[in-house]
């Protein structure tokens, strides 16, 4: 499976807007939303086939059997995550427990066991196209593991030579690292702001460590032309392909509010992202052998 990943160093840059547009323009039959903390690709892709649901279990959580517990306090004194408290009896806060197993190991009365705990939901839609996504429960960790499962679900459901577009999560944390692993190219959607430039530089350096091809585009470029020039200069200095600029467009806001992609109506941002798509696929195809080229529509 050949994978194009859309990332941004920060939230709110328009990453999902660009990802949705590229899915439409490429007629991709495989795509995924790896922003498991706040997935929203389904709002624009609107899958119509029946969902295949699977519970996701992250790390196990400790549980104290009050009937076996002798209230010795050893578990409380040795829990480095302060997940154990005492109020007439000892109990474990499942949101604080990291599943390390120390309490289970040291409990003299064997009153503590680690039990599987549901941490989220995996969702797969298999129709004419395959869409893989997930939702992590609030306050739960192991987001990187869940992203890996989202990508595995997609890979297991499509042909080996299928072209897939993946909408990643913002930042440079565990879900982003899991998203980058194994992809062929990363398209970074940058924002012309001070924080946007800083976060773009961080995600570029992160992506480089995975030896994936990198390209950059700018969304809402006309909100700060000076910083737009800085981003373009940075790409030139770092020899990173720059694939285009998308203007701020009120029509894009209207499209998204109506559940549409910006390429499903005639607007300035939609026209600009078409050019971004053409140049992105040119760069993408440079990373693949001739018999694995994907059409530029």
Protein backbone atom coordinates (compact mmCIF):
# COMPACT_ATOMS: atom_id res chain seq x y z
CA UNK A 1 0.00 0.00 0.00
CA UNK A 2 1.41 3.37 -1.05
CA UNK A 3 0.65 6.03 1.54
CA UNK A 4 0.44 9.82 1.37
CA UNK A 5 0.17 11.32 4.86
CA UNK A 6 -1.17 14.82 5.51
CA UNK A 7 0.27 16.47 8.62
CA UNK A 8 0.54 19.85 10.32
CA UNK A 9 2.67 20.95 13.21
CA UNK A 10 -0.34 22.48 14.96
CA UNK A 11 -4.11 22.25 15.00
CA UNK A 12 -6.32 24.53 12.92
CA UNK A 13 -4.12 24.79 9.84
CA UNK A 14 -6.69 23.14 7.55
CA UNK A 15 -5.03 19.73 7.40
CA UNK A 16 -8.29 17.78 7.20
CA UNK A 17 -9.68 20.25 4.66
CA UNK A 18 -6.67 19.59 2.41
CA UNK A 19 -6.77 15.83 3.05
CA UNK A 20 -10.43 15.65 2.06
CA UNK A 21 -9.78 17.62 -1.11
CA UNK A 22 -6.92 15.33 -2.12
CA UNK A 23 -9.06 12.24 -1.50
CA UNK A 24 -11.70 13.63 -3.89
CA UNK A 25 -9.19 14.76 -6.52
CA UNK A 26 -7.29 11.46 -6.53
CA UNK A 27 -10.47 9.34 -6.36
CA UNK A 28 -8.63 7.43 -3.64
CA UNK A 29 -10.28 4.13 -2.69
CA UNK A 30 -8.41 3.88 0.61
CA UNK A 31 -8.13 6.54 3.29
CA UNK A 32 -7.82 6.84 7.05
CA UNK A 33 -8.18 9.33 9.88
CA UNK A 34 -5.33 8.90 12.36
CA UNK A 35 -6.30 11.85 14.55
CA UNK A 36 -7.74 9.41 17.09
CA UNK A 37 -8.17 12.03 19.81
CA UNK A 38 -10.51 14.12 17.66
CA UNK A 39 -11.36 12.34 14.37
CA UNK A 40 -13.41 14.42 11.95
CA UNK A 41 -12.68 13.12 8.45
CA UNK A 42 -15.95 11.16 8.54
CA UNK A 43 -17.90 14.43 8.73
CA UNK A 44 -16.80 15.32 5.20
CA UNK A 45 -16.39 11.85 3.67
CA UNK A 46 -19.80 10.71 4.99
CA UNK A 47 -19.43 6.92 4.69
CA UNK A 48 -22.70 5.22 3.77
CA UNK A 49 -21.81 1.55 4.25
CA UNK A 50 -22.30 -0.28 7.52
CA UNK A 51 -19.52 0.24 10.05
CA UNK A 52 -17.39 -2.66 11.25
CA UNK A 53 -16.75 -1.94 14.93
CA UNK A 54 -14.07 -3.33 17.19
CA UNK A 55 -13.25 -2.43 20.79
CA UNK A 56 -9.74 -1.17 21.37
CA UNK A 57 -7.96 -2.23 24.55
CA UNK A 58 -4.91 -0.22 25.54
CA UNK A 59 -2.88 -0.96 28.63
CA UNK A 60 -4.45 -3.04 31.39
CA UNK A 61 -5.69 -1.27 34.52
CA UNK A 62 -5.17 -2.44 38.10
CA UNK A 63 -8.19 -3.53 40.12
CA UNK A 64 -8.28 -4.22 43.88
CA UNK A 65 -10.40 -7.01 45.32
CA UNK A 66 -11.64 -5.46 48.58
CA UNK A 67 -12.45 -8.89 50.03
CA UNK A 68 -8.84 -10.04 49.70
CA UNK A 69 -7.29 -6.66 50.58
CA UNK A 70 -5.80 -6.50 54.11
CA UNK A 71 -5.37 -2.70 53.88
CA UNK A 72 -1.63 -2.92 54.43
CA UNK A 73 -1.01 0.20 52.32
CA UNK A 74 1.98 -1.21 50.42
CA UNK A 75 0.32 -0.54 47.06
CA UNK A 76 -0.49 3.06 47.97
CA UNK A 77 3.07 3.75 49.09
CA UNK A 78 4.64 2.27 45.96
CA UNK A 79 2.38 3.62 43.20
CA UNK A 80 4.50 6.26 41.48
CA UNK A 81 1.49 7.49 39.48
CA UNK A 82 -0.62 8.19 42.59
CA UNK A 83 -3.41 6.12 41.09
CA UNK A 84 -4.29 4.40 44.37
CA UNK A 85 -6.19 6.13 47.14
CA UNK A 86 -7.87 5.15 50.40
CA UNK A 87 -11.39 6.03 51.48
CA UNK A 88 -12.58 3.33 53.88
CA UNK A 89 -11.04 0.94 51.37
CA UNK A 90 -8.32 1.05 48.73
CA UNK A 91 -9.30 1.66 45.13
CA UNK A 92 -7.61 2.48 41.80
CA UNK A 93 -8.34 5.53 39.65
CA UNK A 94 -8.46 4.01 36.11
CA UNK A 95 -7.56 7.36 34.53
CA UNK A 96 -4.34 7.64 36.54
CA UNK A 97 -3.28 3.99 36.40
CA UNK A 98 -0.54 3.36 33.83
CA UNK A 99 -0.80 -0.44 34.03
CA UNK A 100 2.81 -0.87 35.16
CA UNK A 101 1.91 -3.85 37.38
CA UNK A 102 4.00 -2.88 40.42
CA UNK A 103 1.02 -3.01 42.77
CA UNK A 104 0.04 -6.47 41.52
CA UNK A 105 3.61 -7.70 41.99
CA UNK A 106 4.09 -6.45 45.56
CA UNK A 107 0.62 -7.10 47.02
CA UNK A 108 1.20 -9.70 49.78
CA UNK A 109 -2.42 -10.88 49.73
CA UNK A 110 -2.67 -11.09 45.90
CA UNK A 111 -5.64 -8.76 46.01
CA UNK A 112 -4.62 -6.76 42.92
CA UNK A 113 -4.87 -7.92 39.31
CA UNK A 114 -4.40 -6.15 35.99
CA UNK A 115 -7.50 -6.34 33.85
CA UNK A 116 -8.07 -5.33 30.20
CA UNK A 117 -9.73 -1.95 29.91
CA UNK A 118 -11.49 -0.59 26.85
CA UNK A 119 -9.68 2.55 25.73
CA UNK A 120 -11.40 3.34 22.47
CA UNK A 121 -13.23 2.22 19.35
CA UNK A 122 -11.88 1.08 15.99
CA UNK A 123 -14.16 1.71 13.01
CA UNK A 124 -13.82 0.39 9.48
CA UNK A 125 -16.06 1.14 6.49
CA UNK A 126 -15.68 -1.26 3.55
CA UNK A 127 -17.57 -0.42 0.42
CA UNK A 128 -16.44 0.92 -2.93
CA UNK A 129 -13.77 2.67 -0.86
CA UNK A 130 -12.19 1.60 2.43
CA UNK A 131 -12.14 4.10 5.31
CA UNK A 132 -10.40 3.33 8.60
CA UNK A 133 -10.72 5.52 11.70
CA UNK A 134 -10.91 5.35 15.49
CA UNK A 135 -11.92 7.28 18.59
CA UNK A 136 -9.82 7.21 21.76
CA UNK A 137 -11.77 7.50 24.99
CA UNK A 138 -11.25 10.74 26.88
CA UNK A 139 -8.31 10.64 29.27
CA UNK A 140 -6.83 7.41 27.88
CA UNK A 141 -3.27 7.00 26.64
CA UNK A 142 -1.69 4.67 24.06
CA UNK A 143 -2.89 6.86 21.19
CA UNK A 144 0.12 5.74 19.16
CA UNK A 145 -0.93 2.09 19.49
CA UNK A 146 -4.44 2.96 18.34
CA UNK A 147 -3.09 4.80 15.29
CA UNK A 148 -1.05 1.73 14.41
CA UNK A 149 -4.23 -0.37 14.56
CA UNK A 150 -6.07 2.14 12.33
CA UNK A 151 -3.35 1.83 9.69
CA UNK A 152 -3.25 -1.95 10.04
CA UNK A 153 -7.02 -2.17 9.51
CA UNK A 154 -6.65 -0.14 6.32
CA UNK A 155 -3.67 -2.14 5.04
CA UNK A 156 -5.38 -5.47 5.71
CA UNK A 157 -8.46 -4.37 3.77
CA UNK A 158 -6.97 -3.14 0.49
CA UNK A 159 -4.78 -4.45 -2.30
CA UNK A 160 -1.03 -4.36 -1.88
CA UNK A 161 -0.56 -1.74 -4.62
CA UNK A 162 -3.46 0.47 -3.49
CA UNK A 163 -2.92 4.22 -3.07
CA UNK A 164 -4.04 5.54 0.33
CA UNK A 165 -4.37 9.04 1.78
CA UNK A 166 -4.05 9.39 5.56
CA UNK A 167 -5.20 12.36 7.61
CA UNK A 168 -2.79 12.58 10.55
CA UNK A 169 -3.02 14.37 13.88
CA UNK A 170 -1.46 17.74 14.79
CA UNK A 171 1.77 18.08 16.76
CA UNK A 172 4.77 15.76 16.90
CA UNK A 173 3.67 13.31 19.62
CA UNK A 174 3.04 9.56 19.66
CA UNK A 175 0.06 9.51 17.23
CA UNK A 176 2.06 11.54 14.70
CA UNK A 177 5.09 9.26 14.99
CA UNK A 178 2.86 6.21 14.54
CA UNK A 179 1.22 7.89 11.54
CA UNK A 180 4.55 8.63 9.81
CA UNK A 181 5.94 5.14 10.28
CA UNK A 182 5.99 3.32 6.95
CA UNK A 183 4.47 6.04 4.75
CA UNK A 184 5.95 7.00 1.38
CA UNK A 185 5.43 10.76 1.62
CA UNK A 186 4.37 13.44 4.07
CA UNK A 187 2.58 16.59 2.90
CA UNK A 188 2.84 19.26 5.57
CA UNK A 189 0.13 21.91 5.67
CA UNK A 190 1.72 25.05 7.10
CA UNK A 191 0.15 28.22 8.45
CA UNK A 192 1.71 31.70 8.04
CA UNK A 193 1.94 32.56 11.73
CA UNK A 194 4.79 32.63 14.26
CA UNK A 195 3.59 29.45 15.97
CA UNK A 196 2.73 27.91 12.60
CA UNK A 197 6.29 28.33 11.33
CA UNK A 198 7.82 26.98 14.54
CA UNK A 199 5.55 23.94 14.53
CA UNK A 200 6.16 23.34 10.83
CA UNK A 201 9.90 23.23 11.46
CA UNK A 202 9.39 20.71 14.26
CA UNK A 203 7.26 18.38 12.15
CA UNK A 204 9.73 18.63 9.24
CA UNK A 205 12.58 17.51 11.50
CA UNK A 206 10.40 14.72 12.91
CA UNK A 207 9.41 13.47 9.45
CA UNK A 208 13.03 13.52 8.25
CA UNK A 209 13.95 10.93 10.87
CA UNK A 210 11.62 8.46 9.14
CA UNK A 211 13.24 9.06 5.73
CA UNK A 212 9.90 9.78 4.08
CA UNK A 213 9.63 12.22 1.19
CA UNK A 214 8.44 15.64 2.43
CA UNK A 215 6.58 18.47 0.73
CA UNK A 216 5.03 21.66 2.10
CA UNK A 217 2.01 23.73 1.16
CA UNK A 218 0.62 26.85 2.86
CA UNK A 219 -3.02 27.30 3.78
CA UNK A 220 -4.52 30.78 4.26
CA UNK A 221 -1.28 32.17 2.82
CA UNK A 222 -2.70 35.66 2.22
CA UNK A 223 -3.37 36.26 5.94
CA UNK A 224 0.34 37.10 6.34
CA UNK A 225 2.36 37.49 3.15
CA UNK A 226 5.60 38.23 4.98
CA UNK A 227 5.48 34.96 6.92
CA UNK A 228 4.40 33.13 3.77
CA UNK A 229 7.65 34.31 2.17
CA UNK A 230 9.54 33.05 5.22
CA UNK A 231 8.03 29.58 4.85
CA UNK A 232 8.90 29.46 1.16
CA UNK A 233 12.45 30.62 1.91
CA UNK A 234 12.74 27.90 4.56
CA UNK A 235 11.69 25.26 2.04
CA UNK A 236 14.26 26.54 -0.46
CA UNK A 237 16.99 26.51 2.20
CA UNK A 238 16.13 22.98 3.35
CA UNK A 239 15.56 21.75 -0.23
CA UNK A 240 11.99 20.73 0.56
CA UNK A 241 9.56 20.70 -2.38
CA UNK A 242 7.03 23.52 -2.08
CA UNK A 243 3.76 22.53 -3.74
CA UNK A 244 1.56 25.58 -3.48
CA UNK A 245 -0.43 28.24 -1.63
CA UNK A 246 -4.11 28.14 -0.70
CA UNK A 247 -5.85 31.47 0.02
CA UNK A 248 -8.19 32.26 2.89
CA UNK A 249 -11.64 31.78 1.41
CA UNK A 250 -15.05 32.40 2.99
CA UNK A 251 -16.50 29.97 0.47
CA UNK A 252 -14.35 27.24 2.04
CA UNK A 253 -15.94 27.93 5.41
CA UNK A 254 -19.40 27.66 3.86
CA UNK A 255 -18.49 24.41 2.11
CA UNK A 256 -17.17 22.78 5.27
CA UNK A 257 -20.18 23.94 7.31
CA UNK A 258 -22.35 22.19 4.72
CA UNK A 259 -20.31 18.99 4.89
CA UNK A 260 -18.62 19.50 1.52
CA UNK A 261 -15.03 19.44 0.35
CA UNK A 262 -13.65 22.68 -1.06
CA UNK A 263 -13.23 20.97 -4.45
CA UNK A 264 -16.94 20.14 -4.64
CA UNK A 265 -17.78 23.73 -5.51
CA UNK A 266 -16.18 26.49 -7.54
CA UNK A 267 -14.06 28.66 -5.22
CA UNK A 268 -10.58 30.17 -4.99
CA UNK A 269 -9.37 27.74 -2.33
CA UNK A 270 -10.67 24.77 -4.31
CA UNK A 271 -8.87 25.92 -7.44
CA UNK A 272 -5.65 26.44 -5.48
CA UNK A 273 -5.76 23.01 -3.86
CA UNK A 274 -6.09 21.44 -7.31
CA UNK A 275 -2.69 22.89 -8.15
CA UNK A 276 -1.36 21.64 -4.79
CA UNK A 277 -2.62 18.16 -5.66
CA UNK A 278 -0.98 18.15 -9.10
CA UNK A 279 2.40 19.17 -7.69
CA UNK A 280 2.10 16.84 -4.69
CA UNK A 281 1.50 13.84 -6.95
CA UNK A 282 4.47 14.80 -9.09
CA UNK A 283 6.66 14.70 -5.99
CA UNK A 284 4.97 11.51 -4.76
CA UNK A 285 5.55 9.70 -8.04
CA UNK A 286 9.24 10.54 -7.86
CA UNK A 287 9.42 8.23 -4.81
CA UNK A 288 7.99 5.23 -6.64
CA UNK A 289 9.10 2.98 -9.48
CA UNK A 290 7.49 3.67 -12.90
CA UNK A 291 5.06 0.74 -12.57
CA UNK A 292 3.77 2.20 -9.31
CA UNK A 293 2.92 5.66 -10.58
CA UNK A 294 -0.47 7.03 -9.56
CA UNK A 295 -2.50 9.14 -11.98
CA UNK A 296 -2.71 12.89 -11.75
CA UNK A 297 -6.33 13.69 -12.52
